Amino acid sequence: MTEGMTKMHRLDGIFRQIGYSKWVFARAFLPSLKILVPLAIFSFVSMTTMSSGLDWSIVAIVFGLFTLFSFYAIIVTMHIIDSVYRRQKVDFKKLLLASRKNFWKFFIVKLLTTLILVIGYLLFIIPGIFLSVRYAFTGFVALFEKKGFGDTMDHGFEITRGYWWVLFGRFVVLAFTVWVFYFAIISILFYVESLLTPITGAMISELTVNAIVSFAFAILSLWTTSFCYVLYRDIARKQ
């Protein structure tokens, strides 16, 4: 741990990375809507189901299907971002096929990563923070580098060696930005809901807010993925 946290390498400046991730986000936005809109609809259905008082088994099935589709949507989005970054034409049908092909590898790698991080956070939080940075790019490695499961986890860990503090700072900035957007969106939606409730009733206003939240966070996920992808490519370029 000490070696990974004290030995430091340089990345591109954060403002350059933010600027380039904005460029990637802007060009990936329209192609990504083809998968983000269905994701937002599925998210809306899942949120509505969980708050509807239906039988727990139905809620569990809907949530399970939503989780699987979320992973698939993330993979498709990553492929779109990769095509944009490489200045290649976004062939949506081709990317859907590639995403289905890589689904279980990505799913298992992220599951293993999550398990490692949970164990890390249970060990007094600090190991969890350290491992969150070291394993931050395992998803990208799983999709874009031809490696087996074990090699993917190892390379995902090793690729961040010497960049811990630099990446930690980037992720703090990203987390703060997401928190600001989250707080702003929730505040606005609470206000909108208070205006709609006397007019449309509590149920309609809640459904409206859920729909807006689902779409807003689907778009926010595209931005965060774009930023993390730019970081990943910056590091991979320097290997």
Protein backbone atom coordinates (compact mmCIF):
# COMPACT_ATOMS: atom_id res chain seq x y z
CA MET A 1 0.00 0.00 0.00
CA THR A 2 2.75 2.44 0.88
CA GLU A 3 4.50 2.04 -2.47
CA GLY A 4 1.29 2.60 -4.41
CA MET A 5 0.43 5.70 -2.42
CA THR A 6 3.81 7.40 -2.26
CA LYS A 7 5.30 6.77 -5.68
CA MET A 8 3.63 9.31 -7.96
CA HIS A 9 3.44 9.75 -11.72
CA ARG A 10 2.06 12.66 -13.65
CA LEU A 11 -1.18 12.71 -15.60
CA ASP A 12 -2.57 15.38 -17.88
CA GLY A 13 -3.85 18.45 -16.01
CA ILE A 14 -7.27 18.07 -14.45
CA PHE A 15 -8.73 20.98 -16.44
CA ARG A 16 -7.53 19.39 -19.66
CA GLN A 17 -9.07 16.08 -18.59
CA ILE A 18 -12.36 17.76 -17.69
CA GLY A 19 -12.35 19.60 -21.00
CA TYR A 20 -11.69 16.44 -22.98
CA SER A 21 -14.30 14.47 -21.04
CA LYS A 22 -16.81 17.23 -21.86
CA TRP A 23 -15.89 16.82 -25.54
CA VAL A 24 -16.41 13.05 -25.28
CA PHE A 25 -19.67 13.50 -23.35
CA ALA A 26 -21.07 15.97 -25.91
CA ARG A 27 -20.38 13.66 -28.84
CA ALA A 28 -21.52 10.52 -27.04
CA PHE A 29 -24.74 12.13 -25.78
CA LEU A 30 -27.06 11.57 -28.75
CA PRO A 31 -25.93 7.99 -29.55
CA SER A 32 -26.16 7.12 -25.85
CA LEU A 33 -29.78 8.24 -25.64
CA LYS A 34 -30.71 5.04 -27.49
CA ILE A 35 -29.73 3.08 -24.37
CA LEU A 36 -30.07 5.74 -21.65
CA VAL A 37 -33.75 6.44 -22.38
CA PRO A 38 -34.70 2.75 -21.94
CA LEU A 39 -32.52 2.72 -18.80
CA ALA A 40 -34.36 5.77 -17.44
CA ILE A 41 -37.73 4.14 -18.20
CA PHE A 42 -36.64 0.92 -16.49
CA SER A 43 -35.36 2.95 -13.53
CA PHE A 44 -38.71 4.77 -13.32
CA VAL A 45 -40.60 1.45 -13.37
CA SER A 46 -38.29 0.04 -10.69
CA MET A 47 -38.68 3.10 -8.42
CA THR A 48 -42.45 3.10 -8.89
CA THR A 49 -42.68 -0.62 -8.17
CA MET A 50 -40.67 -0.32 -4.96
CA SER A 51 -42.91 2.47 -3.67
CA SER A 52 -46.20 0.89 -4.77
CA GLY A 53 -46.60 -1.62 -1.95
CA LEU A 54 -46.62 -4.65 -4.27
CA ASP A 55 -45.62 -8.11 -3.10
CA TRP A 56 -41.91 -8.28 -2.24
CA SER A 57 -41.32 -11.09 -4.77
CA ILE A 58 -42.53 -8.87 -7.64
CA VAL A 59 -40.38 -6.00 -6.38
CA ALA A 60 -37.36 -8.34 -6.17
CA ILE A 61 -37.88 -9.59 -9.73
CA VAL A 62 -38.25 -6.06 -11.13
CA PHE A 63 -35.21 -4.84 -9.20
CA GLY A 64 -33.15 -7.85 -10.35
CA LEU A 65 -34.05 -7.27 -14.00
CA PHE A 66 -33.30 -3.56 -13.61
CA THR A 67 -29.87 -4.36 -12.14
CA LEU A 68 -28.98 -6.65 -15.05
CA PHE A 69 -30.19 -4.11 -17.60
CA SER A 70 -28.23 -1.37 -15.82
CA PHE A 71 -25.03 -3.37 -16.27
CA TYR A 72 -25.84 -3.88 -19.93
CA ALA A 73 -26.58 -0.17 -20.40
CA ILE A 74 -23.27 0.75 -18.74
CA ILE A 75 -21.38 -1.59 -21.09
CA VAL A 76 -23.11 -0.14 -24.17
CA THR A 77 -22.38 3.39 -22.94
CA MET A 78 -18.72 2.53 -22.40
CA HIS A 79 -18.47 1.17 -25.95
CA ILE A 80 -20.05 4.35 -27.32
CA ILE A 81 -17.62 6.51 -25.34
CA ASP A 82 -14.71 4.37 -26.56
CA SER A 83 -15.80 4.85 -30.20
CA VAL A 84 -16.14 8.61 -29.72
CA TYR A 85 -12.74 8.83 -28.01
CA ARG A 86 -11.11 6.95 -30.88
CA ARG A 87 -12.99 9.16 -33.38
CA GLN A 88 -14.67 6.14 -34.89
CA LYS A 89 -18.20 5.97 -36.27
CA VAL A 90 -20.67 4.85 -33.60
CA ASP A 91 -22.23 1.68 -35.06
CA PHE A 92 -24.97 1.13 -32.48
CA LYS A 93 -26.00 -2.36 -33.66
CA LYS A 94 -22.38 -3.51 -33.65
CA LEU A 95 -21.87 -2.10 -30.16
CA LEU A 96 -24.99 -3.89 -28.89
CA LEU A 97 -23.54 -7.20 -30.11
CA ALA A 98 -20.15 -6.46 -28.52
CA SER A 99 -21.89 -5.52 -25.26
CA ARG A 100 -23.83 -8.78 -25.15
CA LYS A 101 -20.62 -10.70 -25.84
CA ASN A 102 -18.77 -8.98 -22.97
CA PHE A 103 -21.68 -8.85 -20.52
CA TRP A 104 -20.83 -11.74 -18.20
CA LYS A 105 -17.12 -11.00 -18.10
CA PHE A 106 -17.86 -7.39 -17.12
CA PHE A 107 -20.55 -8.46 -14.64
CA ILE A 108 -18.30 -10.98 -12.86
CA VAL A 109 -15.34 -8.58 -12.76
CA LYS A 110 -17.50 -5.82 -11.25
CA LEU A 111 -19.00 -8.31 -8.80
CA LEU A 112 -15.54 -9.40 -7.66
CA THR A 113 -14.41 -5.78 -7.44
CA THR A 114 -17.45 -4.88 -5.34
CA LEU A 115 -16.81 -7.83 -3.01
CA ILE A 116 -13.17 -6.75 -2.53
CA LEU A 117 -14.24 -3.17 -1.82
CA VAL A 118 -16.91 -4.23 0.68
CA ILE A 119 -14.30 -6.26 2.57
CA GLY A 120 -11.95 -3.27 2.41
CA TYR A 121 -14.53 -0.87 3.81
CA LEU A 122 -15.38 -3.30 6.59
CA LEU A 123 -11.69 -3.15 7.60
CA PHE A 124 -11.93 0.34 9.09
CA ILE A 125 -12.78 2.20 5.82
CA ILE A 126 -9.22 3.27 4.87
CA PRO A 127 -8.38 -0.01 3.08
CA GLY A 128 -11.67 0.39 1.21
CA ILE A 129 -10.74 3.90 0.04
CA PHE A 130 -7.31 2.69 -1.05
CA LEU A 131 -8.75 -0.27 -2.98
CA SER A 132 -11.50 1.86 -4.55
CA VAL A 133 -8.83 3.88 -6.33
CA ARG A 134 -6.61 0.91 -7.20
CA TYR A 135 -9.52 -1.04 -8.72
CA ALA A 136 -11.26 1.96 -10.28
CA PHE A 137 -10.65 0.88 -13.89
CA THR A 138 -11.31 -2.87 -13.79
CA GLY A 139 -14.50 -2.38 -15.80
CA PHE A 140 -12.63 -0.65 -18.63
CA VAL A 141 -9.90 -3.28 -18.56
CA ALA A 142 -12.55 -6.03 -18.77
CA LEU A 143 -14.08 -4.48 -21.89
CA PHE A 144 -11.15 -3.05 -23.81
CA GLU A 145 -8.21 -5.29 -23.01
CA LYS A 146 -8.07 -8.96 -24.00
CA LYS A 147 -7.39 -10.54 -20.64
CA GLY A 148 -8.88 -13.34 -18.57
CA PHE A 149 -10.69 -12.74 -15.29
CA GLY A 150 -7.60 -13.09 -13.09
CA ASP A 151 -5.41 -11.00 -15.38
CA THR A 152 -8.14 -8.35 -15.61
CA MET A 153 -8.25 -7.96 -11.83
CA ASP A 154 -4.43 -7.95 -11.58
CA HIS A 155 -3.98 -5.44 -14.40
CA GLY A 156 -6.82 -3.28 -13.09
CA PHE A 157 -4.90 -3.07 -9.81
CA GLU A 158 -1.45 -2.57 -11.34
CA ILE A 159 -2.44 0.07 -13.90
CA THR A 160 -3.07 2.57 -11.10
CA ARG A 161 0.26 1.94 -9.35
CA GLY A 162 2.05 5.24 -8.76
CA TYR A 163 -1.08 7.28 -9.49
CA TRP A 164 -2.98 6.82 -6.23
CA TRP A 165 -2.91 10.38 -4.91
CA VAL A 166 -3.43 11.89 -8.35
CA LEU A 167 -6.47 9.69 -8.99
CA PHE A 168 -7.80 10.18 -5.46
CA GLY A 169 -7.79 13.93 -6.04
CA ARG A 170 -9.60 13.50 -9.37
CA PHE A 171 -12.23 11.28 -7.79
CA VAL A 172 -12.77 13.75 -4.94
CA VAL A 173 -13.43 16.48 -7.53
CA LEU A 174 -15.77 14.13 -9.43
CA ALA A 175 -17.62 13.13 -6.26
CA PHE A 176 -18.03 16.77 -5.22
CA THR A 177 -19.35 17.69 -8.68
CA VAL A 178 -21.83 14.81 -8.63
CA TRP A 179 -22.93 15.77 -5.11
CA VAL A 180 -23.54 19.39 -6.19
CA PHE A 181 -25.62 18.25 -9.17
CA TYR A 182 -27.46 15.73 -7.01
CA PHE A 183 -28.28 18.34 -4.36
CA ALA A 184 -29.38 20.86 -7.01
CA ILE A 185 -31.59 18.32 -8.83
CA ILE A 186 -33.22 17.03 -5.64
CA SER A 187 -33.84 20.56 -4.34
CA ILE A 188 -35.46 21.63 -7.61
CA LEU A 189 -37.57 18.49 -7.78
CA PHE A 190 -38.82 18.87 -4.21
CA TYR A 191 -39.89 22.38 -5.13
CA VAL A 192 -41.57 21.18 -8.33
CA GLU A 193 -43.34 18.42 -6.41
CA SER A 194 -44.65 20.94 -3.86
CA LEU A 195 -46.10 22.98 -6.75
CA LEU A 196 -47.61 19.98 -8.56
CA THR A 197 -49.15 18.18 -5.59
CA PRO A 198 -52.05 20.65 -5.02
CA ILE A 199 -52.81 20.58 -8.78
CA THR A 200 -52.30 16.96 -9.84
CA GLY A 201 -52.40 15.11 -6.54
CA ALA A 202 -49.63 13.36 -4.63
CA MET A 203 -49.45 10.27 -6.87
CA ILE A 204 -49.08 12.13 -10.18
CA SER A 205 -46.53 14.56 -8.77
CA GLU A 206 -44.49 11.69 -7.31
CA LEU A 207 -44.55 9.84 -10.64
CA THR A 208 -43.45 13.01 -12.44
CA VAL A 209 -40.55 13.55 -10.05
CA ASN A 210 -39.50 9.88 -10.33
CA ALA A 211 -39.46 10.14 -14.12
CA ILE A 212 -37.29 13.28 -14.06
CA VAL A 213 -34.90 11.77 -11.49
CA SER A 214 -34.52 8.60 -13.56
CA PHE A 215 -33.59 10.51 -16.71
CA ALA A 216 -31.36 13.05 -14.91
CA PHE A 217 -29.25 10.38 -13.26
CA ALA A 218 -28.95 8.39 -16.48
CA ILE A 219 -27.43 11.48 -18.09
CA LEU A 220 -25.24 12.11 -15.03
CA SER A 221 -23.90 8.56 -15.30
CA LEU A 222 -22.83 9.30 -18.89
CA TRP A 223 -20.79 12.30 -17.70
CA THR A 224 -19.09 10.38 -14.85
CA THR A 225 -18.30 7.46 -17.15
CA SER A 226 -16.83 9.84 -19.75
CA PHE A 227 -14.58 11.43 -17.13
CA CYS A 228 -13.40 8.07 -15.75
CA TYR A 229 -12.77 6.78 -19.27
CA VAL A 230 -10.54 9.77 -20.06
CA LEU A 231 -8.59 9.08 -16.85
CA TYR A 232 -8.25 5.42 -17.81
CA ARG A 233 -6.95 6.21 -21.30
CA ASP A 234 -4.55 8.83 -19.90
CA ILE A 235 -3.01 6.22 -17.60
CA ALA A 236 -3.04 3.44 -20.22
CA ARG A 237 -1.23 5.75 -22.64
CA LYS A 238 1.60 6.19 -20.15
CA GLN A 239 2.13 2.49 -19.43
